[in-house]
N, C-alpha and C. Protein backbone atom coordinates (compact mmCIF):
# COMPACT_ATOMS: atom_id res chain seq x y z
N MET A 1 0.85 -1.18 0.00
CA MET A 1 0.00 0.00 0.00
C MET A 1 0.89 1.24 0.00
N PRO A 2 0.81 2.08 -1.01
CA PRO A 2 1.66 3.28 -1.04
C PRO A 2 1.21 4.26 0.04
N PRO A 3 2.16 4.98 0.60
CA PRO A 3 1.81 5.95 1.63
C PRO A 3 1.06 7.12 1.04
N PRO A 4 0.27 7.82 1.87
CA PRO A 4 -0.40 9.02 1.36
C PRO A 4 0.61 9.99 0.78
N SER A 5 0.23 10.69 -0.28
CA SER A 5 1.16 11.56 -0.99
C SER A 5 1.69 12.70 -0.13
N ARG A 6 0.97 13.08 0.90
CA ARG A 6 1.45 14.20 1.71
C ARG A 6 2.65 13.84 2.57
N TYR A 7 3.06 12.56 2.60
CA TYR A 7 4.20 12.14 3.39
C TYR A 7 5.46 12.02 2.56
N THR A 8 5.61 12.83 1.54
CA THR A 8 6.79 12.76 0.70
C THR A 8 7.99 13.44 1.35
N ASP A 9 7.78 14.16 2.40
CA ASP A 9 8.85 14.84 3.10
C ASP A 9 8.82 14.39 4.56
N ARG A 10 9.96 14.42 5.20
CA ARG A 10 9.99 14.08 6.63
C ARG A 10 9.28 15.15 7.43
N LEU A 11 8.83 14.74 8.59
CA LEU A 11 8.16 15.68 9.48
C LEU A 11 9.19 16.64 10.06
N ARG A 12 8.76 17.88 10.26
CA ARG A 12 9.62 18.90 10.83
C ARG A 12 9.14 19.28 12.22
N PHE A 13 10.07 19.52 13.10
CA PHE A 13 9.80 19.96 14.46
C PHE A 13 9.53 21.46 14.40
N THR A 14 8.29 21.85 14.63
CA THR A 14 7.89 23.25 14.45
C THR A 14 7.90 24.04 15.75
N ASP A 15 7.39 23.43 16.83
CA ASP A 15 7.28 24.19 18.09
C ASP A 15 7.29 23.23 19.27
N PHE A 16 7.80 23.74 20.40
CA PHE A 16 7.80 22.98 21.64
C PHE A 16 7.60 23.93 22.81
N THR A 17 6.72 23.55 23.72
CA THR A 17 6.57 24.30 24.97
C THR A 17 6.42 23.32 26.12
N LEU A 18 6.95 23.71 27.26
CA LEU A 18 6.79 22.95 28.49
C LEU A 18 6.36 23.92 29.57
N GLU A 19 5.22 23.63 30.16
CA GLU A 19 4.72 24.45 31.27
C GLU A 19 4.90 23.68 32.57
N ARG A 20 5.39 24.35 33.58
CA ARG A 20 5.46 23.78 34.92
C ARG A 20 4.27 24.34 35.70
N LEU A 21 3.39 23.46 36.11
CA LEU A 21 2.14 23.87 36.75
C LEU A 21 2.29 23.95 38.26
N ALA A 22 1.46 24.77 38.89
CA ALA A 22 1.50 24.95 40.34
C ALA A 22 1.15 23.67 41.09
N SER A 23 0.50 22.75 40.43
CA SER A 23 0.08 21.49 41.05
C SER A 23 1.22 20.48 41.19
N GLY A 24 2.42 20.84 40.74
CA GLY A 24 3.54 19.90 40.79
C GLY A 24 3.59 19.00 39.56
N ARG A 25 2.84 19.36 38.55
CA ARG A 25 2.81 18.61 37.30
C ARG A 25 3.36 19.50 36.18
N CYS A 26 3.57 18.92 35.03
CA CYS A 26 4.02 19.68 33.87
C CYS A 26 3.16 19.30 32.67
N ARG A 27 3.16 20.17 31.67
CA ARG A 27 2.41 19.93 30.44
C ARG A 27 3.31 20.30 29.27
N ALA A 28 3.48 19.36 28.35
CA ALA A 28 4.30 19.58 27.16
C ALA A 28 3.41 19.62 25.93
N ARG A 29 3.83 20.42 24.96
CA ARG A 29 3.12 20.54 23.69
C ARG A 29 4.15 20.53 22.57
N VAL A 30 3.97 19.64 21.61
CA VAL A 30 4.87 19.52 20.46
C VAL A 30 4.05 19.73 19.20
N VAL A 31 4.59 20.52 18.28
CA VAL A 31 3.95 20.73 16.98
C VAL A 31 4.91 20.27 15.90
N LEU A 32 4.43 19.35 15.06
CA LEU A 32 5.18 18.86 13.92
C LEU A 32 4.46 19.29 12.66
N SER A 33 5.19 19.47 11.58
CA SER A 33 4.54 19.78 10.30
C SER A 33 5.24 19.00 9.20
N GLY A 34 4.46 18.68 8.18
CA GLY A 34 4.99 17.94 7.03
C GLY A 34 5.08 18.85 5.83
N GLU A 35 5.17 18.25 4.67
CA GLU A 35 5.31 19.01 3.43
C GLU A 35 4.14 19.97 3.21
N ASP A 36 2.94 19.58 3.65
CA ASP A 36 1.75 20.41 3.45
C ASP A 36 1.59 21.50 4.51
N ASP A 37 2.54 21.59 5.44
CA ASP A 37 2.53 22.55 6.55
C ASP A 37 1.32 22.40 7.46
N GLN A 38 0.64 21.26 7.38
CA GLN A 38 -0.46 20.95 8.30
C GLN A 38 0.14 20.68 9.67
N PRO A 39 -0.30 21.39 10.72
CA PRO A 39 0.26 21.13 12.04
C PRO A 39 -0.30 19.84 12.65
N HIS A 40 0.58 19.08 13.28
CA HIS A 40 0.21 17.87 14.00
C HIS A 40 0.63 18.11 15.45
N ILE A 41 -0.34 18.26 16.32
CA ILE A 41 -0.08 18.69 17.70
C ILE A 41 -0.22 17.51 18.65
N GLY A 42 0.74 17.39 19.54
CA GLY A 42 0.69 16.39 20.59
C GLY A 42 0.88 17.06 21.94
N GLU A 43 0.11 16.62 22.91
CA GLU A 43 0.23 17.16 24.27
C GLU A 43 0.28 16.01 25.25
N ALA A 44 0.95 16.25 26.37
CA ALA A 44 1.04 15.25 27.43
C ALA A 44 1.23 15.96 28.76
N GLU A 45 0.84 15.29 29.82
CA GLU A 45 1.06 15.80 31.17
C GLU A 45 1.85 14.78 31.96
N GLY A 46 2.63 15.28 32.92
CA GLY A 46 3.42 14.38 33.75
C GLY A 46 3.82 15.04 35.04
N LEU A 47 4.64 14.34 35.80
CA LEU A 47 5.12 14.86 37.06
C LEU A 47 6.24 15.87 36.82
N MET A 48 6.27 16.89 37.66
CA MET A 48 7.30 17.91 37.53
C MET A 48 8.56 17.45 38.28
N SER A 49 9.39 16.73 37.56
CA SER A 49 10.69 16.27 38.04
C SER A 49 11.55 16.16 36.80
N GLU A 50 12.83 15.97 36.95
CA GLU A 50 13.68 15.87 35.77
C GLU A 50 13.21 14.73 34.87
N ALA A 51 13.04 13.55 35.45
CA ALA A 51 12.61 12.39 34.66
C ALA A 51 11.18 12.56 34.15
N GLY A 52 10.30 13.12 34.97
CA GLY A 52 8.91 13.31 34.57
C GLY A 52 8.77 14.29 33.42
N GLU A 53 9.55 15.36 33.44
CA GLU A 53 9.49 16.34 32.37
C GLU A 53 10.04 15.78 31.05
N LEU A 54 11.11 14.99 31.13
CA LEU A 54 11.64 14.35 29.93
C LEU A 54 10.62 13.41 29.31
N ARG A 55 9.97 12.61 30.16
CA ARG A 55 8.96 11.65 29.68
C ARG A 55 7.77 12.39 29.08
N CYS A 56 7.34 13.46 29.74
CA CYS A 56 6.21 14.26 29.27
C CYS A 56 6.49 14.83 27.88
N ALA A 57 7.67 15.36 27.68
CA ALA A 57 8.05 15.94 26.39
C ALA A 57 8.10 14.86 25.30
N ALA A 58 8.67 13.71 25.64
CA ALA A 58 8.75 12.62 24.68
C ALA A 58 7.36 12.09 24.33
N GLU A 59 6.49 11.96 25.33
CA GLU A 59 5.11 11.48 25.09
C GLU A 59 4.35 12.44 24.18
N ALA A 60 4.54 13.74 24.38
CA ALA A 60 3.88 14.73 23.53
C ALA A 60 4.32 14.56 22.08
N CYS A 61 5.59 14.29 21.87
CA CYS A 61 6.09 14.10 20.51
C CYS A 61 5.54 12.80 19.91
N VAL A 62 5.45 11.74 20.71
CA VAL A 62 4.88 10.48 20.23
C VAL A 62 3.42 10.68 19.82
N THR A 63 2.68 11.46 20.59
CA THR A 63 1.28 11.76 20.27
C THR A 63 1.18 12.54 18.96
N ALA A 64 2.04 13.54 18.78
CA ALA A 64 2.04 14.32 17.54
C ALA A 64 2.39 13.43 16.35
N LEU A 65 3.36 12.54 16.52
CA LEU A 65 3.74 11.61 15.45
C LEU A 65 2.56 10.72 15.07
N GLY A 66 1.86 10.22 16.08
CA GLY A 66 0.71 9.36 15.82
C GLY A 66 -0.35 10.07 14.99
N ARG A 67 -0.56 11.33 15.29
CA ARG A 67 -1.53 12.11 14.51
C ARG A 67 -1.02 12.38 13.09
N ALA A 68 0.27 12.54 12.95
CA ALA A 68 0.84 12.84 11.64
C ALA A 68 0.77 11.64 10.70
N VAL A 69 1.00 10.45 11.22
CA VAL A 69 1.02 9.27 10.36
C VAL A 69 -0.32 8.56 10.30
N GLU A 70 -1.31 9.06 11.00
CA GLU A 70 -2.69 8.58 10.93
C GLU A 70 -2.84 7.07 10.93
N GLY A 71 -2.24 6.41 11.89
CA GLY A 71 -2.44 4.97 12.02
C GLY A 71 -1.57 4.10 11.13
N VAL A 72 -0.73 4.69 10.27
CA VAL A 72 0.18 3.89 9.45
C VAL A 72 1.16 3.17 10.38
N PHE A 73 1.61 3.85 11.41
CA PHE A 73 2.45 3.29 12.45
C PHE A 73 1.85 3.65 13.80
N ARG A 74 2.19 2.84 14.79
CA ARG A 74 1.85 3.17 16.16
C ARG A 74 3.15 3.10 16.95
N PHE A 75 3.42 4.16 17.68
CA PHE A 75 4.65 4.23 18.47
C PHE A 75 4.30 4.20 19.94
N GLU A 76 5.12 3.48 20.72
CA GLU A 76 4.97 3.45 22.17
C GLU A 76 6.30 3.87 22.80
N LEU A 77 6.23 4.81 23.71
CA LEU A 77 7.44 5.24 24.41
C LEU A 77 7.75 4.22 25.51
N LEU A 78 8.93 3.61 25.42
CA LEU A 78 9.35 2.65 26.43
C LEU A 78 10.13 3.32 27.55
N GLY A 79 10.94 4.31 27.19
CA GLY A 79 11.74 4.96 28.21
C GLY A 79 12.46 6.16 27.66
N VAL A 80 12.86 7.03 28.57
CA VAL A 80 13.64 8.22 28.22
C VAL A 80 14.59 8.50 29.37
N LYS A 81 15.81 8.88 29.03
CA LYS A 81 16.82 9.09 30.06
C LYS A 81 17.85 10.11 29.60
N ALA A 82 18.24 10.95 30.52
CA ALA A 82 19.34 11.88 30.27
C ALA A 82 20.61 11.27 30.87
N VAL A 83 21.67 11.25 30.08
CA VAL A 83 22.92 10.68 30.54
C VAL A 83 24.08 11.61 30.20
N ARG A 84 25.15 11.40 30.90
CA ARG A 84 26.39 12.13 30.61
C ARG A 84 27.32 11.13 29.94
N ALA A 85 27.72 11.42 28.71
CA ALA A 85 28.59 10.51 27.97
C ALA A 85 29.57 11.32 27.12
N PHE A 86 30.81 10.93 27.16
CA PHE A 86 31.85 11.58 26.36
C PHE A 86 31.87 13.09 26.59
N ASP A 87 31.79 13.49 27.83
CA ASP A 87 31.82 14.90 28.23
C ASP A 87 30.68 15.72 27.64
N ALA A 88 29.54 15.08 27.42
CA ALA A 88 28.38 15.77 26.88
C ALA A 88 27.11 15.22 27.52
N ASN A 89 26.07 16.04 27.54
CA ASN A 89 24.76 15.60 28.02
C ASN A 89 23.95 15.11 26.83
N VAL A 90 23.38 13.92 26.97
CA VAL A 90 22.63 13.29 25.90
C VAL A 90 21.30 12.79 26.44
N VAL A 91 20.22 13.01 25.69
CA VAL A 91 18.93 12.44 26.03
C VAL A 91 18.70 11.27 25.07
N ILE A 92 18.36 10.12 25.65
CA ILE A 92 18.14 8.91 24.86
C ILE A 92 16.70 8.44 25.09
N VAL A 93 16.03 8.06 24.00
CA VAL A 93 14.68 7.51 24.09
C VAL A 93 14.66 6.12 23.47
N SER A 94 13.78 5.29 23.99
CA SER A 94 13.54 3.96 23.43
C SER A 94 12.05 3.88 23.09
N LEU A 95 11.77 3.45 21.86
CA LEU A 95 10.39 3.34 21.38
C LEU A 95 10.13 1.93 20.87
N ALA A 96 8.87 1.53 20.94
CA ALA A 96 8.43 0.28 20.33
C ALA A 96 7.49 0.62 19.20
N VAL A 97 7.57 -0.16 18.13
CA VAL A 97 6.64 -0.06 17.01
C VAL A 97 5.96 -1.42 16.92
N PRO A 98 4.81 -1.57 17.61
CA PRO A 98 4.13 -2.86 17.61
C PRO A 98 3.66 -3.25 16.20
N SER A 99 3.78 -4.51 15.90
CA SER A 99 3.37 -5.02 14.59
C SER A 99 3.10 -6.51 14.73
N GLU A 100 2.10 -6.98 14.00
CA GLU A 100 1.83 -8.42 14.03
C GLU A 100 2.92 -9.18 13.30
N GLU A 101 3.47 -8.56 12.24
CA GLU A 101 4.50 -9.22 11.46
C GLU A 101 5.82 -9.31 12.22
N ARG A 102 6.36 -8.14 12.57
CA ARG A 102 7.64 -8.09 13.24
C ARG A 102 7.75 -6.79 14.03
N PRO A 103 7.59 -6.85 15.34
CA PRO A 103 7.70 -5.62 16.13
C PRO A 103 9.13 -5.07 16.07
N HIS A 104 9.23 -3.76 16.12
CA HIS A 104 10.52 -3.08 16.07
C HIS A 104 10.75 -2.31 17.36
N ARG A 105 12.01 -2.16 17.70
CA ARG A 105 12.39 -1.26 18.79
C ARG A 105 13.32 -0.23 18.17
N LEU A 106 13.10 1.00 18.54
CA LEU A 106 13.89 2.11 18.01
C LEU A 106 14.55 2.85 19.16
N VAL A 107 15.72 3.40 18.89
CA VAL A 107 16.43 4.22 19.86
C VAL A 107 16.83 5.50 19.17
N GLY A 108 16.64 6.61 19.86
CA GLY A 108 17.06 7.90 19.32
C GLY A 108 17.74 8.71 20.41
N CYS A 109 18.58 9.61 20.01
CA CYS A 109 19.24 10.46 21.01
C CYS A 109 19.37 11.88 20.49
N PHE A 110 19.64 12.77 21.41
CA PHE A 110 19.85 14.17 21.07
C PHE A 110 20.89 14.74 22.03
N LEU A 111 21.90 15.36 21.48
CA LEU A 111 22.95 16.01 22.25
C LEU A 111 22.43 17.34 22.76
N THR A 112 22.33 17.49 24.08
CA THR A 112 21.69 18.69 24.65
C THR A 112 22.67 19.73 25.16
N GLN A 113 23.90 19.69 24.72
CA GLN A 113 24.95 20.57 25.21
C GLN A 113 24.42 21.87 25.84
N ASP A 114 23.94 22.80 25.05
CA ASP A 114 23.43 24.06 25.58
C ASP A 114 21.92 24.17 25.40
N ALA A 115 21.29 23.08 25.00
CA ALA A 115 19.86 23.10 24.72
C ALA A 115 19.07 22.62 25.94
N ASP A 116 17.78 22.89 25.91
CA ASP A 116 16.86 22.44 26.94
C ASP A 116 16.71 20.91 26.83
N PRO A 117 16.99 20.16 27.89
CA PRO A 117 16.89 18.70 27.81
C PRO A 117 15.47 18.21 27.52
N THR A 118 14.46 18.93 27.96
CA THR A 118 13.09 18.48 27.67
C THR A 118 12.79 18.60 26.18
N ARG A 119 13.22 19.68 25.57
CA ARG A 119 13.08 19.84 24.12
C ARG A 119 13.90 18.74 23.42
N GLY A 120 15.06 18.44 23.97
CA GLY A 120 15.90 17.38 23.44
C GLY A 120 15.23 16.01 23.48
N ALA A 121 14.39 15.77 24.50
CA ALA A 121 13.67 14.49 24.58
C ALA A 121 12.70 14.35 23.41
N ALA A 122 12.02 15.44 23.07
CA ALA A 122 11.10 15.42 21.92
C ALA A 122 11.87 15.22 20.62
N LEU A 123 13.00 15.88 20.48
CA LEU A 123 13.81 15.73 19.27
C LEU A 123 14.43 14.33 19.18
N ALA A 124 14.74 13.73 20.31
CA ALA A 124 15.27 12.36 20.30
C ALA A 124 14.23 11.38 19.76
N VAL A 125 12.94 11.64 20.05
CA VAL A 125 11.87 10.80 19.49
C VAL A 125 11.88 10.90 17.97
N LEU A 126 12.00 12.12 17.46
CA LEU A 126 12.05 12.28 16.00
C LEU A 126 13.28 11.61 15.41
N ASN A 127 14.41 11.73 16.09
CA ASN A 127 15.63 11.08 15.60
C ASN A 127 15.47 9.56 15.57
N ALA A 128 14.74 9.01 16.53
CA ALA A 128 14.50 7.57 16.56
C ALA A 128 13.61 7.12 15.41
N THR A 129 12.66 7.95 15.03
CA THR A 129 11.66 7.55 14.04
C THR A 129 12.00 8.00 12.62
N ASN A 130 12.95 8.87 12.44
CA ASN A 130 13.28 9.37 11.10
C ASN A 130 13.62 8.25 10.12
N ARG A 131 14.38 7.28 10.56
CA ARG A 131 14.78 6.21 9.65
C ARG A 131 13.57 5.38 9.22
N ILE A 132 12.73 4.98 10.17
CA ILE A 132 11.59 4.14 9.80
C ILE A 132 10.58 4.93 8.97
N LEU A 133 10.35 6.19 9.31
CA LEU A 133 9.43 7.01 8.52
C LEU A 133 10.04 7.33 7.17
N GLY A 134 11.32 7.60 7.13
CA GLY A 134 11.99 7.88 5.86
C GLY A 134 11.96 6.68 4.93
N ASN A 135 12.21 5.49 5.50
CA ASN A 135 12.16 4.29 4.67
C ASN A 135 10.77 4.05 4.14
N ARG A 136 9.78 4.29 4.93
CA ARG A 136 8.39 4.04 4.52
C ARG A 136 7.95 5.06 3.47
N PHE A 137 8.31 6.32 3.67
CA PHE A 137 7.75 7.37 2.82
C PHE A 137 8.66 7.79 1.66
N HIS A 138 9.95 7.45 1.74
CA HIS A 138 10.87 7.85 0.67
C HIS A 138 11.22 6.71 -0.26
N MET A 139 11.29 5.50 0.23
CA MET A 139 11.72 4.35 -0.56
C MET A 139 10.51 3.56 -1.02
N ARG A 140 9.77 4.07 -1.94
CA ARG A 140 8.55 3.40 -2.40
C ARG A 140 8.86 2.25 -3.30
């Protein structure tokens, strides 16, 4: 089945916001856009902690991706972690792509040197999925 024609370009990271709420929770919002500039918005809420904020940002990106690919793929966030490696801060995400044929696991990372680690968590999700989405939508 050929992919919808609007997926001829990879998704672009358009906007990211993270709100820290007075309730001790956080809310992340990710906006992705494709070739048609149609916005695909994902939102998530989580606990206001370093790990909670990273997970919240990654979940928001997974939600936006799900809306962008309209059921062609389903992504599940397995984990997200910030680590120090090679004198740099890196955010790493692990995703599952459930499938009856052959489930896949994806890993993505983002170097957060001077960047916001929560934004980096969302970008790490895109880095994890770029190859599978690129293969599906570019290699017909």
